[in-house]
PDB file of all heavy atoms in Angstrom:
ATOM      1  N   SER A   1     -14.644  18.665 -11.420  1.00  0.00           N
ATOM      2  CA  SER A   1     -13.421  19.466 -11.536  1.00  0.00           C
ATOM      3  C   SER A   1     -12.885  19.804 -10.148  1.00  0.00           C
ATOM      4  O   SER A   1     -12.398  20.920  -9.923  1.00  0.00           O
ATOM      5  CB  SER A   1     -13.694  20.744 -12.341  1.00  0.00           C
ATOM      6  OG  SER A   1     -14.735  21.504 -11.751  1.00  0.00           O
ATOM      7  N   PHE A   2     -12.967  18.866  -9.228  1.00  0.00           N
ATOM      8  CA  PHE A   2     -12.495  19.075  -7.860  1.00  0.00           C
ATOM      9  C   PHE A   2     -11.038  19.531  -7.879  1.00  0.00           C
ATOM     10  O   PHE A   2     -10.174  18.835  -8.411  1.00  0.00           O
ATOM     11  CB  PHE A   2     -12.642  17.783  -7.065  1.00  0.00           C
ATOM     12  CG  PHE A   2     -12.283  17.915  -5.609  1.00  0.00           C
ATOM     13  CD1 PHE A   2     -13.206  18.434  -4.707  1.00  0.00           C
ATOM     14  CD2 PHE A   2     -11.037  17.531  -5.144  1.00  0.00           C
ATOM     15  CE1 PHE A   2     -12.880  18.560  -3.355  1.00  0.00           C
ATOM     16  CE2 PHE A   2     -10.701  17.648  -3.803  1.00  0.00           C
ATOM     17  CZ  PHE A   2     -11.635  18.171  -2.908  1.00  0.00           C
ATOM     18  N   ASP A   3     -10.758  20.695  -7.305  1.00  0.00           N
ATOM     19  CA  ASP A   3      -9.418  21.259  -7.466  1.00  0.00           C
ATOM     20  C   ASP A   3      -8.708  21.631  -6.168  1.00  0.00           C
ATOM     21  O   ASP A   3      -7.727  22.386  -6.193  1.00  0.00           O
ATOM     22  CB  ASP A   3      -9.461  22.481  -8.396  1.00  0.00           C
ATOM     23  CG  ASP A   3     -10.238  23.651  -7.823  1.00  0.00           C
ATOM     24  OD1 ASP A   3     -10.808  23.523  -6.719  1.00  0.00           O
ATOM     25  OD2 ASP A   3     -10.279  24.713  -8.484  1.00  0.00           O
ATOM     26  N   THR A   4      -9.179  21.105  -5.039  1.00  0.00           N
ATOM     27  CA  THR A   4      -8.440  21.306  -3.795  1.00  0.00           C
ATOM     28  C   THR A   4      -7.381  20.210  -3.722  1.00  0.00           C
ATOM     29  O   THR A   4      -7.635  19.095  -3.272  1.00  0.00           O
ATOM     30  CB  THR A   4      -9.377  21.236  -2.576  1.00  0.00           C
ATOM     31  OG1 THR A   4     -10.459  22.147  -2.757  1.00  0.00           O
ATOM     32  CG2 THR A   4      -8.624  21.606  -1.303  1.00  0.00           C
ATOM     33  N   HIS A   5      -6.172  20.522  -4.189  1.00  0.00           N
ATOM     34  CA  HIS A   5      -5.126  19.510  -4.388  1.00  0.00           C
ATOM     35  C   HIS A   5      -4.890  18.670  -3.134  1.00  0.00           C
ATOM     36  O   HIS A   5      -4.741  17.446  -3.214  1.00  0.00           O
ATOM     37  CB  HIS A   5      -3.817  20.182  -4.827  1.00  0.00           C
ATOM     38  CG  HIS A   5      -3.875  20.769  -6.197  1.00  0.00           C
ATOM     39  ND1 HIS A   5      -3.394  20.117  -7.309  1.00  0.00           N
ATOM     40  CD2 HIS A   5      -4.363  21.948  -6.638  1.00  0.00           C
ATOM     41  CE1 HIS A   5      -3.578  20.873  -8.378  1.00  0.00           C
ATOM     42  NE2 HIS A   5      -4.168  21.989  -7.999  1.00  0.00           N
ATOM     43  N   ALA A   6      -4.843  19.303  -1.974  1.00  0.00           N
ATOM     44  CA  ALA A   6      -4.519  18.591  -0.742  1.00  0.00           C
ATOM     45  C   ALA A   6      -5.565  17.541  -0.383  1.00  0.00           C
ATOM     46  O   ALA A   6      -5.253  16.565   0.318  1.00  0.00           O
ATOM     47  CB  ALA A   6      -4.369  19.586   0.412  1.00  0.00           C
ATOM     48  N   ASN A   7      -6.797  17.712  -0.863  1.00  0.00           N
ATOM     49  CA  ASN A   7      -7.885  16.796  -0.490  1.00  0.00           C
ATOM     50  C   ASN A   7      -8.250  15.807  -1.587  1.00  0.00           C
ATOM     51  O   ASN A   7      -9.230  15.063  -1.454  1.00  0.00           O
ATOM     52  CB  ASN A   7      -9.127  17.605  -0.095  1.00  0.00           C
ATOM     53  CG  ASN A   7      -8.918  18.388   1.184  1.00  0.00           C
ATOM     54  OD1 ASN A   7      -8.060  18.039   1.997  1.00  0.00           O
ATOM     55  ND2 ASN A   7      -9.684  19.447   1.367  1.00  0.00           N
ATOM     56  N   ILE A   8      -7.484  15.782  -2.680  1.00  0.00           N
ATOM     57  CA  ILE A   8      -7.805  14.869  -3.777  1.00  0.00           C
ATOM     58  C   ILE A   8      -7.773  13.403  -3.335  1.00  0.00           C
ATOM     59  O   ILE A   8      -8.690  12.639  -3.680  1.00  0.00           O
ATOM     60  CB  ILE A   8      -6.882  15.123  -4.992  1.00  0.00           C
ATOM     61  CG1 ILE A   8      -7.298  16.434  -5.689  1.00  0.00           C
ATOM     62  CG2 ILE A   8      -6.944  13.968  -5.986  1.00  0.00           C
ATOM     63  CD1 ILE A   8      -6.378  16.845  -6.826  1.00  0.00           C
ATOM     64  N   PRO A   9      -6.768  12.940  -2.571  1.00  0.00           N
ATOM     65  CA  PRO A   9      -6.785  11.519  -2.165  1.00  0.00           C
ATOM     66  C   PRO A   9      -8.046  11.135  -1.383  1.00  0.00           C
ATOM     67  O   PRO A   9      -8.629  10.069  -1.622  1.00  0.00           O
ATOM     68  CB  PRO A   9      -5.526  11.396  -1.303  1.00  0.00           C
ATOM     69  CG  PRO A   9      -4.599  12.434  -1.844  1.00  0.00           C
ATOM     70  CD  PRO A   9      -5.494  13.591  -2.183  1.00  0.00           C
ATOM     71  N   LYS A  10      -8.472  11.994  -0.466  1.00  0.00           N
ATOM     72  CA  LYS A  10      -9.683  11.726   0.309  1.00  0.00           C
ATOM     73  C   LYS A  10     -10.909  11.702  -0.598  1.00  0.00           C
ATOM     74  O   LYS A  10     -11.773  10.813  -0.478  1.00  0.00           O
ATOM     75  CB  LYS A  10      -9.842  12.786   1.399  1.00  0.00           C
ATOM     76  CG  LYS A  10     -11.091  12.621   2.260  1.00  0.00           C
ATOM     77  CD  LYS A  10     -11.177  13.724   3.312  1.00  0.00           C
ATOM     78  CE  LYS A  10     -12.446  13.589   4.148  1.00  0.00           C
ATOM     79  NZ  LYS A  10     -12.547  14.686   5.158  1.00  0.00           N
ATOM     80  N   HIS A  11     -11.004  12.662  -1.511  1.00  0.00           N
ATOM     81  CA  HIS A  11     -12.134  12.724  -2.437  1.00  0.00           C
ATOM     82  C   HIS A  11     -12.138  11.485  -3.335  1.00  0.00           C
ATOM     83  O   HIS A  11     -13.199  10.887  -3.581  1.00  0.00           O
ATOM     84  CB  HIS A  11     -12.023  14.004  -3.273  1.00  0.00           C
ATOM     85  CG  HIS A  11     -13.191  14.270  -4.157  1.00  0.00           C
ATOM     86  ND1 HIS A  11     -14.496  14.316  -3.711  1.00  0.00           N
ATOM     87  CD2 HIS A  11     -13.254  14.511  -5.500  1.00  0.00           C
ATOM     88  CE1 HIS A  11     -15.303  14.578  -4.725  1.00  0.00           C
ATOM     89  NE2 HIS A  11     -14.580  14.689  -5.819  1.00  0.00           N
ATOM     90  N   PHE A  12     -10.976  11.089  -3.817  1.00  0.00           N
ATOM     91  CA  PHE A  12     -10.870   9.899  -4.665  1.00  0.00           C
ATOM     92  C   PHE A  12     -11.434   8.679  -3.950  1.00  0.00           C
ATOM     93  O   PHE A  12     -12.233   7.916  -4.527  1.00  0.00           O
ATOM     94  CB  PHE A  12      -9.408   9.655  -5.047  1.00  0.00           C
ATOM     95  CG  PHE A  12      -9.196   8.447  -5.926  1.00  0.00           C
ATOM     96  CD1 PHE A  12      -9.121   8.570  -7.298  1.00  0.00           C
ATOM     97  CD2 PHE A  12      -9.085   7.172  -5.372  1.00  0.00           C
ATOM     98  CE1 PHE A  12      -8.944   7.453  -8.109  1.00  0.00           C
ATOM     99  CE2 PHE A  12      -8.912   6.050  -6.169  1.00  0.00           C
ATOM    100  CZ  PHE A  12      -8.836   6.199  -7.550  1.00  0.00           C
ATOM    101  N   ASN A  13     -11.049   8.479  -2.712  1.00  0.00           N
ATOM    102  CA  ASN A  13     -11.489   7.290  -1.968  1.00  0.00           C
ATOM    103  C   ASN A  13     -13.005   7.260  -1.790  1.00  0.00           C
ATOM    104  O   ASN A  13     -13.646   6.209  -1.919  1.00  0.00           O
ATOM    105  CB  ASN A  13     -10.799   7.235  -0.609  1.00  0.00           C
ATOM    106  CG  ASN A  13      -9.321   6.924  -0.714  1.00  0.00           C
ATOM    107  OD1 ASN A  13      -8.868   6.354  -1.706  1.00  0.00           O
ATOM    108  ND2 ASN A  13      -8.548   7.319   0.285  1.00  0.00           N
ATOM    109  N   ALA A  14     -13.593   8.427  -1.508  1.00  0.00           N
ATOM    110  CA  ALA A  14     -15.043   8.493  -1.326  1.00  0.00           C
ATOM    111  C   ALA A  14     -15.776   8.181  -2.623  1.00  0.00           C
ATOM    112  O   ALA A  14     -16.764   7.424  -2.641  1.00  0.00           O
ATOM    113  CB  ALA A  14     -15.443   9.868  -0.801  1.00  0.00           C
ATOM    114  N   VAL A  15     -15.301   8.749  -3.725  1.00  0.00           N
ATOM    115  CA  VAL A  15     -15.947   8.518  -5.019  1.00  0.00           C
ATOM    116  C   VAL A  15     -15.711   7.082  -5.482  1.00  0.00           C
ATOM    117  O   VAL A  15     -16.607   6.441  -6.048  1.00  0.00           O
ATOM    118  CB  VAL A  15     -15.432   9.524  -6.065  1.00  0.00           C
ATOM    119  CG1 VAL A  15     -16.030   9.239  -7.442  1.00  0.00           C
ATOM    120  CG2 VAL A  15     -15.767  10.955  -5.643  1.00  0.00           C
ATOM    121  N   ASP A  16     -14.522   6.562  -5.239  1.00  0.00           N
ATOM    122  CA  ASP A  16     -14.190   5.211  -5.688  1.00  0.00           C
ATOM    123  C   ASP A  16     -15.116   4.170  -5.048  1.00  0.00           C
ATOM    124  O   ASP A  16     -15.618   3.264  -5.734  1.00  0.00           O
ATOM    125  CB  ASP A  16     -12.733   4.904  -5.348  1.00  0.00           C
ATOM    126  CG  ASP A  16     -12.226   3.641  -6.039  1.00  0.00           C
ATOM    127  OD1 ASP A  16     -12.450   3.510  -7.261  1.00  0.00           O
ATOM    128  OD2 ASP A  16     -11.604   2.807  -5.355  1.00  0.00           O
ATOM    129  N   ALA A  17     -15.352   4.309  -3.756  1.00  0.00           N
ATOM    130  CA  ALA A  17     -16.221   3.356  -3.062  1.00  0.00           C
ATOM    131  C   ALA A  17     -17.631   3.392  -3.630  1.00  0.00           C
ATOM    132  O   ALA A  17     -18.246   2.341  -3.904  1.00  0.00           O
ATOM    133  CB  ALA A  17     -16.241   3.663  -1.572  1.00  0.00           C
ATOM    134  N   ALA A  18     -18.164   4.594  -3.845  1.00  0.00           N
ATOM    135  CA  ALA A  18     -19.529   4.724  -4.371  1.00  0.00           C
ATOM    136  C   ALA A  18     -19.615   4.267  -5.815  1.00  0.00           C
ATOM    137  O   ALA A  18     -20.599   3.639  -6.223  1.00  0.00           O
ATOM    138  CB  ALA A  18     -19.983   6.176  -4.243  1.00  0.00           C
ATOM    139  N   ALA A  19     -18.594   4.569  -6.612  1.00  0.00           N
ATOM    140  CA  ALA A  19     -18.618   4.205  -8.027  1.00  0.00           C
ATOM    141  C   ALA A  19     -18.523   2.694  -8.211  1.00  0.00           C
ATOM    142  O   ALA A  19     -19.200   2.110  -9.069  1.00  0.00           O
ATOM    143  CB  ALA A  19     -17.481   4.906  -8.769  1.00  0.00           C
ATOM    144  N   LYS A  20     -17.690   2.048  -7.419  1.00  0.00           N
ATOM    145  CA  LYS A  20     -17.581   0.593  -7.535  1.00  0.00           C
ATOM    146  C   LYS A  20     -18.860  -0.100  -7.087  1.00  0.00           C
ATOM    147  O   LYS A  20     -19.262  -1.118  -7.665  1.00  0.00           O
ATOM    148  CB  LYS A  20     -16.384   0.104  -6.723  1.00  0.00           C
ATOM    149  CG  LYS A  20     -15.048   0.415  -7.387  1.00  0.00           C
ATOM    150  CD  LYS A  20     -13.865  -0.027  -6.545  1.00  0.00           C
ATOM    151  CE  LYS A  20     -12.561   0.237  -7.293  1.00  0.00           C
ATOM    152  NZ  LYS A  20     -11.370  -0.062  -6.445  1.00  0.00           N
ATOM    153  N   ALA A  21     -19.503   0.471  -6.071  1.00  0.00           N
ATOM    154  CA  ALA A  21     -20.757  -0.111  -5.595  1.00  0.00           C
ATOM    155  C   ALA A  21     -21.853  -0.021  -6.648  1.00  0.00           C
ATOM    156  O   ALA A  21     -22.710  -0.906  -6.762  1.00  0.00           O
ATOM    157  CB  ALA A  21     -21.197   0.583  -4.311  1.00  0.00           C
ATOM    158  N   SER A  22     -21.839   1.053  -7.446  1.00  0.00           N
ATOM    159  CA  SER A  22     -22.883   1.261  -8.450  1.00  0.00           C
ATOM    160  C   SER A  22     -22.508   0.712  -9.819  1.00  0.00           C
ATOM    161  O   SER A  22     -23.364   0.605 -10.710  1.00  0.00           O
ATOM    162  CB  SER A  22     -23.187   2.757  -8.584  1.00  0.00           C
ATOM    163  OG  SER A  22     -22.054   3.453  -9.094  1.00  0.00           O
ATOM    164  N   GLY A  23     -21.213   0.426 -10.028  1.00  0.00           N
ATOM    165  CA  GLY A  23     -20.761  -0.049 -11.333  1.00  0.00           C
ATOM    166  C   GLY A  23     -20.533   1.056 -12.332  1.00  0.00           C
ATOM    167  O   GLY A  23     -20.398   0.796 -13.538  1.00  0.00           O
ATOM    168  N   ASN A  24     -20.471   2.294 -11.855  1.00  0.00           N
ATOM    169  CA  ASN A  24     -20.256   3.442 -12.740  1.00  0.00           C
ATOM    170  C   ASN A  24     -18.814   3.925 -12.691  1.00  0.00           C
ATOM    171  O   ASN A  24     -18.032   3.521 -11.837  1.00  0.00           O
ATOM    172  CB  ASN A  24     -21.199   4.583 -12.357  1.00  0.00           C
ATOM    173  CG  ASN A  24     -22.644   4.274 -12.684  1.00  0.00           C
ATOM    174  OD1 ASN A  24     -22.934   3.681 -13.718  1.00  0.00           O
ATOM    175  ND2 ASN A  24     -23.559   4.655 -11.803  1.00  0.00           N
ATOM    176  N   VAL A  25     -18.488   4.818 -13.621  1.00  0.00           N
ATOM    177  CA  VAL A  25     -17.174   5.455 -13.686  1.00  0.00           C
ATOM    178  C   VAL A  25     -17.295   6.898 -13.213  1.00  0.00           C
ATOM    179  O   VAL A  25     -18.188   7.632 -13.644  1.00  0.00           O
ATOM    180  CB  VAL A  25     -16.610   5.432 -15.129  1.00  0.00           C
ATOM    181  CG1 VAL A  25     -15.347   6.290 -15.237  1.00  0.00           C
ATOM    182  CG2 VAL A  25     -16.317   4.003 -15.568  1.00  0.00           C
ATOM    183  N   GLY A  26     -16.413   7.299 -12.314  1.00  0.00           N
ATOM    184  CA  GLY A  26     -16.337   8.694 -11.889  1.00  0.00           C
ATOM    185  C   GLY A  26     -14.935   9.217 -12.129  1.00  0.00           C
ATOM    186  O   GLY A  26     -13.969   8.680 -11.589  1.00  0.00           O
ATOM    187  N   ILE A  27     -14.810  10.220 -12.968  1.00  0.00           N
ATOM    188  CA  ILE A  27     -13.488  10.820 -13.213  1.00  0.00           C
ATOM    189  C   ILE A  27     -13.456  12.162 -12.496  1.00  0.00           C
ATOM    190  O   ILE A  27     -14.274  13.046 -12.768  1.00  0.00           O
ATOM    191  CB  ILE A  27     -13.196  11.001 -14.714  1.00  0.00           C
ATOM    192  CG1 ILE A  27     -13.425   9.692 -15.468  1.00  0.00           C
ATOM    193  CG2 ILE A  27     -11.758  11.479 -14.913  1.00  0.00           C
ATOM    194  CD1 ILE A  27     -13.138   9.772 -16.964  1.00  0.00           C
ATOM    195  N   ILE A  28     -12.509  12.315 -11.566  1.00  0.00           N
ATOM    196  CA  ILE A  28     -12.451  13.517 -10.729  1.00  0.00           C
ATOM    197  C   ILE A  28     -11.270  14.396 -11.096  1.00  0.00           C
ATOM    198  O   ILE A  28     -10.338  13.970 -11.769  1.00  0.00           O
ATOM    199  CB  ILE A  28     -12.373  13.145  -9.227  1.00  0.00           C
ATOM    200  CG1 ILE A  28     -11.038  12.450  -8.913  1.00  0.00           C
ATOM    201  CG2 ILE A  28     -13.558  12.280  -8.814  1.00  0.00           C
ATOM    202  CD1 ILE A  28     -10.686  12.409  -7.430  1.00  0.00           C
ATOM    203  N   SER A  29     -11.343  15.632 -10.623  1.00  0.00           N
ATOM    204  CA  SER A  29     -10.242  16.587 -10.753  1.00  0.00           C
ATOM    205  C   SER A  29      -9.846  16.797 -12.212  1.00  0.00           C
ATOM    206  O   SER A  29      -8.666  16.783 -12.569  1.00  0.00           O
ATOM    207  CB  SER A  29      -9.044  16.131  -9.910  1.00  0.00           C
ATOM    208  OG  SER A  29      -9.407  16.049  -8.546  1.00  0.00           O
ATOM    209  N   VAL A  30     -10.855  16.997 -13.052  1.00  0.00           N
ATOM    210  CA  VAL A  30     -10.656  17.211 -14.483  1.00  0.00           C
ATOM    211  C   VAL A  30     -10.700  18.710 -14.777  1.00  0.00           C
ATOM    212  O   VAL A  30     -11.573  19.423 -14.299  1.00  0.00           O
ATOM    213  CB  VAL A  30     -11.753  16.478 -15.287  1.00  0.00           C
ATOM    214  CG1 VAL A  30     -11.670  16.831 -16.764  1.00  0.00           C
ATOM    215  CG2 VAL A  30     -11.654  14.979 -15.080  1.00  0.00           C
ATOM    216  N   GLY A  31      -9.752  19.166 -15.539  1.00  0.00           N
ATOM    217  CA  GLY A  31      -9.668  20.575 -15.902  1.00  0.00           C
ATOM    218  C   GLY A  31      -8.274  20.837 -16.405  1.00  0.00           C
ATOM    219  O   GLY A  31      -7.675  19.982 -17.049  1.00  0.00           O
ATOM    220  N   TRP A  32      -7.730  22.017 -16.086  1.00  0.00           N
ATOM    221  CA  TRP A  32      -6.351  22.237 -16.526  1.00  0.00           C
ATOM    222  C   TRP A  32      -5.354  22.174 -15.390  1.00  0.00           C
ATOM    223  O   TRP A  32      -4.200  21.808 -15.596  1.00  0.00           O
ATOM    224  CB  TRP A  32      -6.226  23.506 -17.362  1.00  0.00           C
ATOM    225  CG  TRP A  32      -6.670  24.789 -16.743  1.00  0.00           C
ATOM    226  CD1 TRP A  32      -7.935  25.298 -16.724  1.00  0.00           C
ATOM    227  CD2 TRP A  32      -5.830  25.766 -16.104  1.00  0.00           C
ATOM    228  NE1 TRP A  32      -7.940  26.519 -16.095  1.00  0.00           N
ATOM    229  CE2 TRP A  32      -6.660  26.834 -15.716  1.00  0.00           C
ATOM    230  CE3 TRP A  32      -4.461  25.838 -15.844  1.00  0.00           C
ATOM    231  CZ2 TRP A  32      -6.167  27.963 -15.059  1.00  0.00           C
ATOM    232  CZ3 TRP A  32      -3.970  26.964 -15.190  1.00  0.00           C
ATOM    233  CH2 TRP A  32      -4.819  28.001 -14.816  1.00  0.00           C
TER     234      TRP A  32
END
């Protein structure tokens, strides 16, 4: 539920690289 709006693009890139390397799905910034 990462909610620091200004840092979402940076967080996305970090998670995307790790998730693709492992073959898993990571859904970030989930909430309202």
